[in-house]
Amino acid sequence: MMLYKAPVVRLNNEIQPSDYLVEECSNYCLIHRVVKPEEIDNYDDVELHVTMEGQYVIPRIAKCSSLENAEIAIRSYWAAVCTLKQR
């Protein structure tokens, strides 16, 4: 799995972009959202999975046809968060 680290945004402390893991499968890619340690209590055990590296993730938030499309989706998630922070 490839980790996409969120950009550092300092406009507002309330909403921060998330990190994402991309899992390459044979014909598609799955995007998983990494859950920060301070967020874990907001979810129940059914919603979260633990990776081999010990990271908690919300699994399969999106399915993309290629790694390039997964990267585009992640960048759009980050752009949406930055737009919200500017309001």
Protein backbone atom coordinates (compact mmCIF):
# COMPACT_ATOMS: atom_id res chain seq x y z
CA MET A 1 0.00 0.00 0.00
CA MET A 2 1.12 3.53 -0.74
CA LEU A 3 0.71 6.26 1.88
CA TYR A 4 -0.32 9.74 0.73
CA LYS A 5 0.55 12.25 3.46
CA ALA A 6 -1.80 15.22 3.77
CA PRO A 7 -0.40 18.69 3.11
CA VAL A 8 0.16 20.88 6.14
CA VAL A 9 -2.54 23.55 6.24
CA ARG A 10 -2.40 26.27 8.88
CA LEU A 11 -5.57 28.25 8.19
CA ASN A 12 -7.65 26.74 10.99
CA ASN A 13 -7.07 24.01 13.58
CA GLU A 14 -10.59 22.58 13.47
CA ILE A 15 -10.34 20.67 10.18
CA GLN A 16 -7.11 19.07 8.98
CA PRO A 17 -6.67 17.06 5.77
CA SER A 18 -6.36 13.31 6.27
CA ASP A 19 -3.72 10.88 5.12
CA TYR A 20 -4.79 8.11 2.77
CA LEU A 21 -3.54 4.64 1.87
CA VAL A 22 -3.95 3.37 -1.68
CA GLU A 23 -4.11 -0.38 -2.19
CA GLU A 24 -3.33 -1.52 -5.72
CA CYS A 25 -5.41 -4.53 -6.73
CA SER A 26 -5.30 -6.35 -10.06
CA ASN A 27 -7.76 -4.14 -12.00
CA TYR A 28 -8.44 -1.25 -9.63
CA CYS A 29 -7.18 0.69 -6.61
CA LEU A 30 -8.87 1.07 -3.23
CA ILE A 31 -8.53 4.21 -1.14
CA HIS A 32 -8.53 3.90 2.66
CA ARG A 33 -8.58 6.91 5.02
CA VAL A 34 -6.02 6.84 7.82
CA VAL A 35 -7.59 7.63 11.19
CA LYS A 36 -5.51 9.80 13.51
CA PRO A 37 -5.00 8.49 17.07
CA GLU A 38 -7.14 11.29 18.52
CA GLU A 39 -10.04 10.26 16.21
CA ILE A 40 -10.16 6.55 17.06
CA ASP A 41 -12.70 6.97 19.88
CA ASN A 42 -15.15 8.48 17.36
CA TYR A 43 -15.51 5.11 15.58
CA ASP A 44 -16.58 1.64 16.64
CA ASP A 45 -14.55 -1.50 16.00
CA VAL A 46 -16.71 -2.48 13.03
CA GLU A 47 -15.89 0.71 11.11
CA LEU A 48 -12.11 0.56 11.51
CA HIS A 49 -9.52 -1.88 10.24
CA VAL A 50 -5.91 -2.15 11.39
CA THR A 51 -3.17 -2.41 8.74
CA MET A 52 -0.10 -4.62 9.02
CA GLU A 53 1.79 -1.46 10.04
CA GLY A 54 -0.64 -0.87 12.91
CA GLN A 55 -2.47 2.09 11.37
CA TYR A 56 -6.21 2.42 11.87
CA VAL A 57 -8.09 3.07 8.63
CA ILE A 58 -11.62 3.53 7.38
CA PRO A 59 -11.48 0.93 4.61
CA ARG A 60 -12.56 1.26 1.00
CA ILE A 61 -13.83 4.83 0.96
CA ALA A 62 -13.37 4.81 -2.82
CA LYS A 63 -12.61 2.42 -5.66
CA CYS A 64 -10.70 3.85 -8.63
CA SER A 65 -9.80 2.36 -11.98
CA SER A 66 -6.10 3.27 -11.70
CA LEU A 67 -3.44 4.64 -9.38
CA GLU A 68 -3.54 7.91 -11.30
CA ASN A 69 -7.31 8.25 -10.67
CA ALA A 70 -6.79 7.42 -6.99
CA GLU A 71 -4.21 10.22 -6.73
CA ILE A 72 -6.62 12.63 -8.41
CA ALA A 73 -9.37 11.65 -5.95
CA ILE A 74 -7.08 12.16 -2.94
CA ARG A 75 -5.95 15.57 -4.20
CA SER A 76 -9.61 16.55 -4.65
CA TYR A 77 -10.36 15.50 -1.04
CA TRP A 78 -7.48 17.68 0.16
CA ALA A 79 -8.63 20.61 -2.00
CA ALA A 80 -12.15 20.33 -0.56
CA VAL A 81 -10.79 20.50 3.00
CA CYS A 82 -8.66 23.54 2.13
CA THR A 83 -11.70 25.23 0.57
CA LEU A 84 -13.72 24.62 3.76
CA LYS A 85 -10.90 26.02 5.87
CA GLN A 86 -10.91 29.29 3.92
CA ARG A 87 -14.59 29.99 4.69
